[in-house]
Amino acid sequence: MKTFVYKTLFIFVCIFILFHITIGAKIKQLNNELAKLKSKENIEIIKDKLRNEIKNAVSQENYLSPDDAKLINEFLNKLKKELSN
């Protein structure tokens, strides 16, 4: 009985250590990445990139190709018909 308890405890400790080495490290890494994304500096960088992309889009004459515009128009018309029913 004593050896069973020792073996079970040993296996539990090994699994616990293995979990922290593999999965625990990945979870910690993901938490660090999320913390970086939430920082004010990164939020400002993302806002600046978004502003630049919007400025580039506004400066373009045509946003969509004629085929894409036609496809989107047909889709929106279909949605309008379904919503009006």
PDB file of N, CA and C in Angstrom:
ATOM      1  N   MET A   1       0.824  -1.190   0.000  1.00  0.00           N
ATOM      2  CA  MET A   1       0.000   0.000   0.000  1.00  0.00           C
ATOM      3  C   MET A   1       0.869   1.256   0.000  1.00  0.00           C
ATOM      4  N   LYS A   2       1.950   1.197   0.775  1.00  0.00           N
ATOM      5  CA  LYS A   2       2.844   2.336   0.865  1.00  0.00           C
ATOM      6  C   LYS A   2       3.488   2.643  -0.484  1.00  0.00           C
ATOM      7  N   THR A   3       3.902   1.626  -1.203  1.00  0.00           N
ATOM      8  CA  THR A   3       4.535   1.839  -2.503  1.00  0.00           C
ATOM      9  C   THR A   3       3.536   2.396  -3.511  1.00  0.00           C
ATOM     10  N   PHE A   4       2.283   1.970  -3.401  1.00  0.00           N
ATOM     11  CA  PHE A   4       1.250   2.498  -4.297  1.00  0.00           C
ATOM     12  C   PHE A   4       1.086   4.001  -4.099  1.00  0.00           C
ATOM     13  N   VAL A   5       1.045   4.437  -2.867  1.00  0.00           N
ATOM     14  CA  VAL A   5       0.901   5.863  -2.560  1.00  0.00           C
ATOM     15  C   VAL A   5       2.112   6.626  -3.074  1.00  0.00           C
ATOM     16  N   TYR A   6       3.297   6.113  -2.866  1.00  0.00           N
ATOM     17  CA  TYR A   6       4.507   6.785  -3.329  1.00  0.00           C
ATOM     18  C   TYR A   6       4.546   6.867  -4.860  1.00  0.00           C
ATOM     19  N   LYS A   7       4.201   5.783  -5.505  1.00  0.00           N
ATOM     20  CA  LYS A   7       4.194   5.781  -6.967  1.00  0.00           C
ATOM     21  C   LYS A   7       3.146   6.744  -7.511  1.00  0.00           C
ATOM     22  N   THR A   8       1.971   6.743  -6.904  1.00  0.00           N
ATOM     23  CA  THR A   8       0.905   7.651  -7.342  1.00  0.00           C
ATOM     24  C   THR A   8       1.325   9.101  -7.142  1.00  0.00           C
ATOM     25  N   LEU A   9       1.899   9.389  -6.002  1.00  0.00           N
ATOM     26  CA  LEU A   9       2.370  10.742  -5.723  1.00  0.00           C
ATOM     27  C   LEU A   9       3.471  11.147  -6.695  1.00  0.00           C
ATOM     28  N   PHE A  10       4.380  10.245  -6.975  1.00  0.00           N
ATOM     29  CA  PHE A  10       5.461  10.522  -7.924  1.00  0.00           C
ATOM     30  C   PHE A  10       4.908  10.804  -9.320  1.00  0.00           C
ATOM     31  N   ILE A  11       3.960  10.002  -9.771  1.00  0.00           N
ATOM     32  CA  ILE A  11       3.353  10.202 -11.094  1.00  0.00           C
ATOM     33  C   ILE A  11       2.607  11.531 -11.141  1.00  0.00           C
ATOM     34  N   PHE A  12       1.886  11.848 -10.083  1.00  0.00           N
ATOM     35  CA  PHE A  12       1.165  13.121 -10.031  1.00  0.00           C
ATOM     36  C   PHE A  12       2.126  14.304 -10.124  1.00  0.00           C
ATOM     37  N   VAL A  13       3.217  14.241  -9.385  1.00  0.00           N
ATOM     38  CA  VAL A  13       4.209  15.322  -9.416  1.00  0.00           C
ATOM     39  C   VAL A  13       4.831  15.431 -10.804  1.00  0.00           C
ATOM     40  N   CYS A  14       5.124  14.312 -11.435  1.00  0.00           N
ATOM     41  CA  CYS A  14       5.701  14.333 -12.786  1.00  0.00           C
ATOM     42  C   CYS A  14       4.732  14.947 -13.789  1.00  0.00           C
ATOM     43  N   ILE A  15       3.467  14.577 -13.705  1.00  0.00           N
ATOM     44  CA  ILE A  15       2.465  15.145 -14.616  1.00  0.00           C
ATOM     45  C   ILE A  15       2.313  16.634 -14.366  1.00  0.00           C
ATOM     46  N   PHE A  16       2.317  17.041 -13.113  1.00  0.00           N
ATOM     47  CA  PHE A  16       2.197  18.458 -12.766  1.00  0.00           C
ATOM     48  C   PHE A  16       3.365  19.263 -13.336  1.00  0.00           C
ATOM     49  N   ILE A  17       4.569  18.759 -13.176  1.00  0.00           N
ATOM     50  CA  ILE A  17       5.760  19.438 -13.705  1.00  0.00           C
ATOM     51  C   ILE A  17       5.718  19.479 -15.229  1.00  0.00           C
ATOM     52  N   LEU A  18       5.343  18.386 -15.844  1.00  0.00           N
ATOM     53  CA  LEU A  18       5.244  18.334 -17.299  1.00  0.00           C
ATOM     54  C   LEU A  18       4.218  19.341 -17.817  1.00  0.00           C
ATOM     55  N   PHE A  19       3.099  19.463 -17.120  1.00  0.00           N
ATOM     56  CA  PHE A  19       2.071  20.433 -17.505  1.00  0.00           C
ATOM     57  C   PHE A  19       2.628  21.848 -17.468  1.00  0.00           C
ATOM     58  N   HIS A  20       3.313  22.184 -16.387  1.00  0.00           N
ATOM     59  CA  HIS A  20       3.849  23.538 -16.260  1.00  0.00           C
ATOM     60  C   HIS A  20       4.959  23.823 -17.260  1.00  0.00           C
ATOM     61  N   ILE A  21       5.707  22.820 -17.627  1.00  0.00           N
ATOM     62  CA  ILE A  21       6.776  23.024 -18.604  1.00  0.00           C
ATOM     63  C   ILE A  21       6.199  23.253 -19.995  1.00  0.00           C
ATOM     64  N   THR A  22       5.156  22.538 -20.351  1.00  0.00           N
ATOM     65  CA  THR A  22       4.627  22.615 -21.719  1.00  0.00           C
ATOM     66  C   THR A  22       3.461  23.589 -21.819  1.00  0.00           C
ATOM     67  N   ILE A  23       2.335  23.226 -21.298  1.00  0.00           N
ATOM     68  CA  ILE A  23       1.117  24.022 -21.463  1.00  0.00           C
ATOM     69  C   ILE A  23       1.178  25.309 -20.654  1.00  0.00           C
ATOM     70  N   GLY A  24       1.715  25.238 -19.462  1.00  0.00           N
ATOM     71  CA  GLY A  24       1.822  26.427 -18.622  1.00  0.00           C
ATOM     72  C   GLY A  24       2.674  27.510 -19.268  1.00  0.00           C
ATOM     73  N   ALA A  25       3.734  27.109 -19.937  1.00  0.00           N
ATOM     74  CA  ALA A  25       4.603  28.081 -20.614  1.00  0.00           C
ATOM     75  C   ALA A  25       3.862  28.760 -21.759  1.00  0.00           C
ATOM     76  N   LYS A  26       3.068  27.999 -22.502  1.00  0.00           N
ATOM     77  CA  LYS A  26       2.306  28.584 -23.611  1.00  0.00           C
ATOM     78  C   LYS A  26       1.251  29.553 -23.090  1.00  0.00           C
ATOM     79  N   ILE A  27       0.585  29.193 -22.012  1.00  0.00           N
ATOM     80  CA  ILE A  27      -0.431  30.078 -21.435  1.00  0.00           C
ATOM     81  C   ILE A  27       0.216  31.371 -20.956  1.00  0.00           C
ATOM     82  N   LYS A  28       1.368  31.263 -20.331  1.00  0.00           N
ATOM     83  CA  LYS A  28       2.082  32.448 -19.863  1.00  0.00           C
ATOM     84  C   LYS A  28       2.498  33.328 -21.040  1.00  0.00           C
ATOM     85  N   GLN A  29       2.947  32.703 -22.119  1.00  0.00           N
ATOM     86  CA  GLN A  29       3.347  33.444 -23.312  1.00  0.00           C
ATOM     87  C   GLN A  29       2.149  34.180 -23.914  1.00  0.00           C
ATOM     88  N   LEU A  30       0.997  33.522 -23.985  1.00  0.00           N
ATOM     89  CA  LEU A  30      -0.202  34.165 -24.517  1.00  0.00           C
ATOM     90  C   LEU A  30      -0.640  35.329 -23.640  1.00  0.00           C
ATOM     91  N   ASN A  31      -0.561  35.175 -22.339  1.00  0.00           N
ATOM     92  CA  ASN A  31      -0.922  36.266 -21.438  1.00  0.00           C
ATOM     93  C   ASN A  31       0.002  37.464 -21.633  1.00  0.00           C
ATOM     94  N   ASN A  32       1.286  37.206 -21.837  1.00  0.00           N
ATOM     95  CA  ASN A  32       2.230  38.298 -22.086  1.00  0.00           C
ATOM     96  C   ASN A  32       1.911  39.015 -23.391  1.00  0.00           C
ATOM     97  N   GLU A  33       1.557  38.265 -24.434  1.00  0.00           N
ATOM     98  CA  GLU A  33       1.212  38.874 -25.717  1.00  0.00           C
ATOM     99  C   GLU A  33      -0.042  39.735 -25.586  1.00  0.00           C
ATOM    100  N   LEU A  34      -1.033  39.246 -24.856  1.00  0.00           N
ATOM    101  CA  LEU A  34      -2.251  40.025 -24.649  1.00  0.00           C
ATOM    102  C   LEU A  34      -1.964  41.290 -23.855  1.00  0.00           C
ATOM    103  N   ALA A  35      -1.097  41.194 -22.881  1.00  0.00           N
ATOM    104  CA  ALA A  35      -0.736  42.374 -22.097  1.00  0.00           C
ATOM    105  C   ALA A  35      -0.033  43.408 -22.972  1.00  0.00           C
ATOM    106  N   LYS A  36       0.803  42.937 -23.888  1.00  0.00           N
ATOM    107  CA  LYS A  36       1.482  43.853 -24.801  1.00  0.00           C
ATOM    108  C   LYS A  36       0.482  44.551 -25.713  1.00  0.00           C
ATOM    109  N   LEU A  37      -0.505  43.806 -26.201  1.00  0.00           N
ATOM    110  CA  LEU A  37      -1.500  44.402 -27.089  1.00  0.00           C
ATOM    111  C   LEU A  37      -2.361  45.427 -26.364  1.00  0.00           C
ATOM    112  N   LYS A  38      -2.572  45.231 -25.083  1.00  0.00           N
ATOM    113  CA  LYS A  38      -3.411  46.138 -24.310  1.00  0.00           C
ATOM    114  C   LYS A  38      -2.671  47.390 -23.862  1.00  0.00           C
ATOM    115  N   SER A  39      -1.369  47.433 -24.025  1.00  0.00           N
ATOM    116  CA  SER A  39      -0.612  48.585 -23.551  1.00  0.00           C
ATOM    117  C   SER A  39      -0.964  49.823 -24.371  1.00  0.00           C
ATOM    118  N   LYS A  40      -0.862  50.980 -23.741  1.00  0.00           N
ATOM    119  CA  LYS A  40      -1.235  52.236 -24.394  1.00  0.00           C
ATOM    120  C   LYS A  40      -0.365  52.518 -25.611  1.00  0.00           C
ATOM    121  N   GLU A  41       0.900  52.152 -25.536  1.00  0.00           N
ATOM    122  CA  GLU A  41       1.805  52.398 -26.660  1.00  0.00           C
ATOM    123  C   GLU A  41       1.354  51.625 -27.894  1.00  0.00           C
ATOM    124  N   ASN A  42       1.029  50.363 -27.713  1.00  0.00           N
ATOM    125  CA  ASN A  42       0.589  49.555 -28.853  1.00  0.00           C
ATOM    126  C   ASN A  42      -0.763  50.007 -29.370  1.00  0.00           C
ATOM    127  N   ILE A  43      -1.636  50.447 -28.484  1.00  0.00           N
ATOM    128  CA  ILE A  43      -2.933  50.953 -28.928  1.00  0.00           C
ATOM    129  C   ILE A  43      -2.729  52.185 -29.804  1.00  0.00           C
ATOM    130  N   GLU A  44      -1.817  53.059 -29.417  1.00  0.00           N
ATOM    131  CA  GLU A  44      -1.535  54.248 -30.222  1.00  0.00           C
ATOM    132  C   GLU A  44      -0.919  53.870 -31.567  1.00  0.00           C
ATOM    133  N   ILE A  45      -0.046  52.886 -31.573  1.00  0.00           N
ATOM    134  CA  ILE A  45       0.561  52.432 -32.830  1.00  0.00           C
ATOM    135  C   ILE A  45      -0.510  51.878 -33.761  1.00  0.00           C
ATOM    136  N   ILE A  46      -1.413  51.079 -33.213  1.00  0.00           N
ATOM    137  CA  ILE A  46      -2.494  50.504 -34.023  1.00  0.00           C
ATOM    138  C   ILE A  46      -3.408  51.602 -34.551  1.00  0.00           C
ATOM    139  N   LYS A  47      -3.709  52.598 -33.717  1.00  0.00           N
ATOM    140  CA  LYS A  47      -4.546  53.717 -34.165  1.00  0.00           C
ATOM    141  C   LYS A  47      -3.869  54.478 -35.304  1.00  0.00           C
ATOM    142  N   ASP A  48      -2.563  54.714 -35.180  1.00  0.00           N
ATOM    143  CA  ASP A  48      -1.837  55.419 -36.235  1.00  0.00           C
ATOM    144  C   ASP A  48      -1.848  54.631 -37.543  1.00  0.00           C
ATOM    145  N   LYS A  49      -1.646  53.323 -37.452  1.00  0.00           N
ATOM    146  CA  LYS A  49      -1.688  52.490 -38.658  1.00  0.00           C
ATOM    147  C   LYS A  49      -3.066  52.532 -39.293  1.00  0.00           C
ATOM    148  N   LEU A  50      -4.097  52.485 -38.470  1.00  0.00           N
ATOM    149  CA  LEU A  50      -5.464  52.531 -38.977  1.00  0.00           C
ATOM    150  C   LEU A  50      -5.748  53.867 -39.651  1.00  0.00           C
ATOM    151  N   ARG A  51      -5.301  54.949 -39.041  1.00  0.00           N
ATOM    152  CA  ARG A  51      -5.483  56.275 -39.653  1.00  0.00           C
ATOM    153  C   ARG A  51      -4.785  56.350 -41.012  1.00  0.00           C
ATOM    154  N   ASN A  52      -3.571  55.835 -41.086  1.00  0.00           N
ATOM    155  CA  ASN A  52      -2.840  55.854 -42.355  1.00  0.00           C
ATOM    156  C   ASN A  52      -3.556  55.039 -43.420  1.00  0.00           C
ATOM    157  N   GLU A  53      -4.084  53.888 -43.052  1.00  0.00           N
ATOM    158  CA  GLU A  53      -4.814  53.062 -44.016  1.00  0.00           C
ATOM    159  C   GLU A  53      -6.085  53.762 -44.481  1.00  0.00           C
ATOM    160  N   ILE A  54      -6.778  54.429 -43.572  1.00  0.00           N
ATOM    161  CA  ILE A  54      -7.991  55.155 -43.960  1.00  0.00           C
ATOM    162  C   ILE A  54      -7.639  56.311 -44.893  1.00  0.00           C
ATOM    163  N   LYS A  55      -6.551  57.020 -44.598  1.00  0.00           N
ATOM    164  CA  LYS A  55      -6.125  58.111 -45.478  1.00  0.00           C
ATOM    165  C   LYS A  55      -5.786  57.591 -46.868  1.00  0.00           C
ATOM    166  N   ASN A  56      -5.110  56.457 -46.936  1.00  0.00           N
ATOM    167  CA  ASN A  56      -4.786  55.866 -48.235  1.00  0.00           C
ATOM    168  C   ASN A  56      -6.042  55.454 -48.980  1.00  0.00           C
ATOM    169  N   ALA A  57      -7.019  54.917 -48.268  1.00  0.00           N
ATOM    170  CA  ALA A  57      -8.262  54.493 -48.909  1.00  0.00           C
ATOM    171  C   ALA A  57      -9.051  55.690 -49.416  1.00  0.00           C
ATOM    172  N   VAL A  58      -9.058  56.781 -48.661  1.00  0.00           N
ATOM    173  CA  VAL A  58      -9.797  57.974 -49.072  1.00  0.00           C
ATOM    174  C   VAL A  58      -9.143  58.612 -50.293  1.00  0.00           C
ATOM    175  N   SER A  59      -7.829  58.536 -50.386  1.00  0.00           N
ATOM    176  CA  SER A  59      -7.135  59.160 -51.509  1.00  0.00           C
ATOM    177  C   SER A  59      -7.328  58.392 -52.812  1.00  0.00           C
ATOM    178  N   GLN A  60      -7.741  57.137 -52.734  1.00  0.00           N
ATOM    179  CA  GLN A  60      -7.969  56.354 -53.945  1.00  0.00           C
ATOM    180  C   GLN A  60      -9.283  56.774 -54.591  1.00  0.00           C
ATOM    181  N   GLU A  61      -9.315  56.711 -55.915  1.00  0.00           N
ATOM    182  CA  GLU A  61     -10.530  57.091 -56.627  1.00  0.00           C
ATOM    183  C   GLU A  61     -11.585  55.993 -56.523  1.00  0.00           C
ATOM    184  N   ASN A  62     -11.188  54.761 -56.760  1.00  0.00           N
ATOM    185  CA  ASN A  62     -12.117  53.636 -56.686  1.00  0.00           C
ATOM    186  C   ASN A  62     -11.645  52.676 -55.601  1.00  0.00           C
ATOM    187  N   TYR A  63     -12.566  52.339 -54.726  1.00  0.00           N
ATOM    188  CA  TYR A  63     -12.230  51.400 -53.659  1.00  0.00           C
ATOM    189  C   TYR A  63     -12.290  49.960 -54.147  1.00  0.00           C
ATOM    190  N   LEU A  64     -13.269  49.681 -54.999  1.00  0.00           N
ATOM    191  CA  LEU A  64     -13.521  48.313 -55.440  1.00  0.00           C
ATOM    192  C   LEU A  64     -13.386  48.205 -56.947  1.00  0.00           C
ATOM    193  N   SER A  65     -13.122  47.010 -57.378  1.00  0.00           N
ATOM    194  CA  SER A  65     -13.147  46.763 -58.817  1.00  0.00           C
ATOM    195  C   SER A  65     -14.612  46.720 -59.254  1.00  0.00           C
ATOM    196  N   PRO A  66     -14.887  46.950 -60.526  1.00  0.00           N
ATOM    197  CA  PRO A  66     -16.290  46.929 -60.982  1.00  0.00           C
ATOM    198  C   PRO A  66     -16.993  45.598 -60.708  1.00  0.00           C
ATOM    199  N   ASP A  67     -16.279  44.497 -60.846  1.00  0.00           N
ATOM    200  CA  ASP A  67     -16.894  43.195 -60.568  1.00  0.00           C
ATOM    201  C   ASP A  67     -17.265  43.057 -59.090  1.00  0.00           C
ATOM    202  N   ASP A  68     -16.371  43.486 -58.212  1.00  0.00           N
ATOM    203  CA  ASP A  68     -16.655  43.414 -56.779  1.00  0.00           C
ATOM    204  C   ASP A  68     -17.818  44.328 -56.412  1.00  0.00           C
ATOM    205  N   ALA A  69     -17.849  45.516 -56.996  1.00  0.00           N
ATOM    206  CA  ALA A  69     -18.936  46.454 -56.713  1.00  0.00           C
ATOM    207  C   ALA A  69     -20.277  45.870 -57.145  1.00  0.00           C
ATOM    208  N   LYS A  70     -20.308  45.237 -58.307  1.00  0.00           N
ATOM    209  CA  LYS A  70     -21.546  44.638 -58.804  1.00  0.00           C
ATOM    210  C   LYS A  70     -21.995  43.501 -57.882  1.00  0.00           C
ATOM    211  N   LEU A  71     -21.061  42.678 -57.468  1.00  0.00           N
ATOM    212  CA  LEU A  71     -21.374  41.551 -56.594  1.00  0.00           C
ATOM    213  C   LEU A  71     -21.914  42.028 -55.245  1.00  0.00           C
ATOM    214  N   ILE A  72     -21.285  43.016 -54.661  1.00  0.00           N
ATOM    215  CA  ILE A  72     -21.741  43.555 -53.374  1.00  0.00           C
ATOM    216  C   ILE A  72     -23.108  44.205 -53.525  1.00  0.00           C
ATOM    217  N   ASN A  73     -23.327  44.914 -54.629  1.00  0.00           N
ATOM    218  CA  ASN A  73     -24.616  45.552 -54.872  1.00  0.00           C
ATOM    219  C   ASN A  73     -25.728  44.512 -54.971  1.00  0.00           C
ATOM    220  N   GLU A  74     -25.482  43.435 -55.688  1.00  0.00           N
ATOM    221  CA  GLU A  74     -26.484  42.376 -55.802  1.00  0.00           C
ATOM    222  C   GLU A  74     -26.767  41.745 -54.440  1.00  0.00           C
ATOM    223  N   PHE A  75     -25.746  41.541 -53.649  1.00  0.00           N
ATOM    224  CA  PHE A  75     -25.916  40.960 -52.321  1.00  0.00           C
ATOM    225  C   PHE A  75     -26.744  41.879 -51.426  1.00  0.00           C
ATOM    226  N   LEU A  76     -26.435  43.181 -51.454  1.00  0.00           N
ATOM    227  CA  LEU A  76     -27.191  44.130 -50.631  1.00  0.00           C
ATOM    228  C   LEU A  76     -28.642  44.223 -51.077  1.00  0.00           C
ATOM    229  N   ASN A  77     -28.890  44.185 -52.384  1.00  0.00           N
ATOM    230  CA  ASN A  77     -30.269  44.208 -52.875  1.00  0.00           C
ATOM    231  C   ASN A  77     -31.029  42.975 -52.406  1.00  0.00           C
ATOM    232  N   LYS A  78     -30.377  41.842 -52.413  1.00  0.00           N
ATOM    233  CA  LYS A  78     -31.013  40.610 -51.942  1.00  0.00           C
ATOM    234  C   LYS A  78     -31.345  40.719 -50.454  1.00  0.00           C
ATOM    235  N   LEU A  79     -30.438  41.278 -49.673  1.00  0.00           N
ATOM    236  CA  LEU A  79     -30.703  41.468 -48.249  1.00  0.00           C
ATOM    237  C   LEU A  79     -31.871  42.420 -48.017  1.00  0.00           C
ATOM    238  N   LYS A  80     -31.946  43.490 -48.807  1.00  0.00           N
ATOM    239  CA  LYS A  80     -33.052  44.443 -48.670  1.00  0.00           C
ATOM    240  C   LYS A  80     -34.382  43.763 -48.942  1.00  0.00           C
ATOM    241  N   LYS A  81     -34.416  42.913 -49.968  1.00  0.00           N
ATOM    242  CA  LYS A  81     -35.651  42.196 -50.288  1.00  0.00           C
ATOM    243  C   LYS A  81     -36.056  41.276 -49.144  1.00  0.00           C
ATOM    244  N   GLU A  82     -35.103  40.569 -48.580  1.00  0.00           N
ATOM    245  CA  GLU A  82     -35.411  39.652 -47.480  1.00  0.00           C
ATOM    246  C   GLU A  82     -35.858  40.400 -46.236  1.00  0.00           C
ATOM    247  N   LEU A  83     -35.274  41.550 -45.973  1.00  0.00           N
ATOM    248  CA  LEU A  83     -35.650  42.319 -44.792  1.00  0.00           C
ATOM    249  C   LEU A  83     -37.009  42.989 -44.948  1.00  0.00           C
ATOM    250  N   SER A  84     -37.385  43.309 -46.164  1.00  0.00           N
ATOM    251  CA  SER A  84     -38.679  43.963 -46.375  1.00  0.00           C
ATOM    252  C   SER A  84     -39.835  42.974 -46.261  1.00  0.00           C
ATOM    253  N   ASN A  85     -39.575  41.688 -46.382  1.00  0.00           N
ATOM    254  CA  ASN A  85     -40.648  40.679 -46.266  1.00  0.00           C
ATOM    255  C   ASN A  85     -40.978  40.380 -44.843  1.00  0.00           C
TER     256      ASN A  85
END
